[in-house]
Amino acid sequence: MAAQVHEFTMEMTCEGCSGAASRVLGKLGDKVSDVNIDLATKKISLKSAMSAEELTEVLKKTGKEVTHISSKSV
């Protein structure tokens, strides 16, 4: 599968929440790139060849509510 840009919303209320998302995504190593976590809008965007479902499950490891918004080819 080719890399796609994925967008998610995640219930984030503080820097700790966004840090948790950063840590779980960081564990994926080179499977993700161009990670952008915006605490103000509660959105996460990233580039990955992983499926939206796989990435959603990874983000759910933070214990926060996560919703996949979109995926588009790059």
C-alpha atoms as a PDB file:
ATOM      1  CA  MET A   1       0.000   0.000   0.000  1.00  0.00           C
ATOM      2  CA  ALA A   2       1.318   3.445  -0.913  1.00  0.00           C
ATOM      3  CA  ALA A   3       1.724   6.109   1.728  1.00  0.00           C
ATOM      4  CA  GLN A   4      -1.317   8.226   2.453  1.00  0.00           C
ATOM      5  CA  VAL A   5      -1.970  11.313   4.544  1.00  0.00           C
ATOM      6  CA  HIS A   6      -4.327  10.354   7.377  1.00  0.00           C
ATOM      7  CA  GLU A   7      -6.250  12.774   9.588  1.00  0.00           C
ATOM      8  CA  PHE A   8      -7.751  12.007  12.982  1.00  0.00           C
ATOM      9  CA  THR A   9      -9.456  13.837  15.800  1.00  0.00           C
ATOM     10  CA  MET A  10      -8.451  12.845  19.302  1.00  0.00           C
ATOM     11  CA  GLU A  11      -9.831  14.040  22.624  1.00  0.00           C
ATOM     12  CA  MET A  12      -6.860  16.093  23.876  1.00  0.00           C
ATOM     13  CA  THR A  13      -7.146  18.548  26.743  1.00  0.00           C
ATOM     14  CA  CYS A  14      -3.492  19.219  27.596  1.00  0.00           C
ATOM     15  CA  GLU A  15       0.138  18.799  26.558  1.00  0.00           C
ATOM     16  CA  GLY A  16       0.141  15.428  28.306  1.00  0.00           C
ATOM     17  CA  CYS A  17      -2.537  14.170  25.925  1.00  0.00           C
ATOM     18  CA  SER A  18      -0.695  15.353  22.827  1.00  0.00           C
ATOM     19  CA  GLY A  19       2.531  13.943  24.271  1.00  0.00           C
ATOM     20  CA  ALA A  20       0.870  10.536  24.692  1.00  0.00           C
ATOM     21  CA  ALA A  21      -0.141  10.571  21.017  1.00  0.00           C
ATOM     22  CA  SER A  22       3.388  11.536  20.051  1.00  0.00           C
ATOM     23  CA  ARG A  23       4.845   8.667  22.120  1.00  0.00           C
ATOM     24  CA  VAL A  24       2.609   5.922  20.687  1.00  0.00           C
ATOM     25  CA  LEU A  25       3.191   7.140  17.133  1.00  0.00           C
ATOM     26  CA  GLY A  26       6.928   7.409  17.827  1.00  0.00           C
ATOM     27  CA  LYS A  27       7.016   3.700  18.628  1.00  0.00           C
ATOM     28  CA  LEU A  28       6.057   3.002  14.992  1.00  0.00           C
ATOM     29  CA  GLY A  29       9.435   4.325  13.857  1.00  0.00           C
ATOM     30  CA  ASP A  30       9.727   4.790  10.112  1.00  0.00           C
ATOM     31  CA  LYS A  31       6.178   3.495   9.526  1.00  0.00           C
ATOM     32  CA  VAL A  32       4.922   7.066  10.062  1.00  0.00           C
ATOM     33  CA  SER A  33       6.265  10.454   9.010  1.00  0.00           C
ATOM     34  CA  ASP A  34       5.235  14.094   8.866  1.00  0.00           C
ATOM     35  CA  VAL A  35       3.330  13.810  12.162  1.00  0.00           C
ATOM     36  CA  ASN A  36       1.493  17.003  13.092  1.00  0.00           C
ATOM     37  CA  ILE A  37      -0.405  17.130  16.391  1.00  0.00           C
ATOM     38  CA  ASP A  38      -2.535  20.247  16.903  1.00  0.00           C
ATOM     39  CA  LEU A  39      -3.765  20.454  20.487  1.00  0.00           C
ATOM     40  CA  ALA A  40      -5.936  23.525  19.795  1.00  0.00           C
ATOM     41  CA  THR A  41      -8.011  21.827  17.089  1.00  0.00           C
ATOM     42  CA  LYS A  42      -7.585  18.314  18.572  1.00  0.00           C
ATOM     43  CA  LYS A  43      -6.402  17.033  15.181  1.00  0.00           C
ATOM     44  CA  ILE A  44      -3.570  14.734  14.196  1.00  0.00           C
ATOM     45  CA  SER A  45      -2.272  14.351  10.665  1.00  0.00           C
ATOM     46  CA  LEU A  46       0.455  12.016   9.506  1.00  0.00           C
ATOM     47  CA  LYS A  47       1.798  10.172   6.503  1.00  0.00           C
ATOM     48  CA  SER A  48       1.887   6.364   6.566  1.00  0.00           C
ATOM     49  CA  ALA A  49       1.370   3.251   4.459  1.00  0.00           C
ATOM     50  CA  MET A  50      -0.455   1.693   7.426  1.00  0.00           C
ATOM     51  CA  SER A  51      -4.254   1.484   7.214  1.00  0.00           C
ATOM     52  CA  ALA A  52      -6.501   3.998   8.945  1.00  0.00           C
ATOM     53  CA  GLU A  53      -7.817   1.170  11.131  1.00  0.00           C
ATOM     54  CA  GLU A  54      -4.308   0.183  12.265  1.00  0.00           C
ATOM     55  CA  LEU A  55      -3.417   3.779  13.062  1.00  0.00           C
ATOM     56  CA  THR A  56      -6.679   4.306  14.947  1.00  0.00           C
ATOM     57  CA  GLU A  57      -5.885   1.293  17.140  1.00  0.00           C
ATOM     58  CA  VAL A  58      -2.396   2.668  17.842  1.00  0.00           C
ATOM     59  CA  LEU A  59      -3.806   6.062  18.851  1.00  0.00           C
ATOM     60  CA  LYS A  60      -6.441   4.412  21.060  1.00  0.00           C
ATOM     61  CA  LYS A  61      -3.570   3.093  23.208  1.00  0.00           C
ATOM     62  CA  THR A  62      -3.482   6.611  24.693  1.00  0.00           C
ATOM     63  CA  GLY A  63      -6.838   5.886  26.339  1.00  0.00           C
ATOM     64  CA  LYS A  64      -8.431   8.799  24.497  1.00  0.00           C
ATOM     65  CA  GLU A  65     -11.343   8.809  22.058  1.00  0.00           C
ATOM     66  CA  VAL A  66     -10.035   8.764  18.477  1.00  0.00           C
ATOM     67  CA  THR A  67     -11.929   9.276  15.217  1.00  0.00           C
ATOM     68  CA  HIS A  68     -10.528   8.846  11.715  1.00  0.00           C
ATOM     69  CA  ILE A  69     -11.494  11.824   9.547  1.00  0.00           C
ATOM     70  CA  SER A  70      -9.910  11.169   6.168  1.00  0.00           C
ATOM     71  CA  SER A  71      -7.161   9.546   4.125  1.00  0.00           C
ATOM     72  CA  LYS A  72      -5.801  10.787   0.844  1.00  0.00           C
ATOM     73  CA  SER A  73      -3.064   9.568  -1.460  1.00  0.00           C
ATOM     74  CA  VAL A  74       0.105  11.592  -1.777  1.00  0.00           C
END
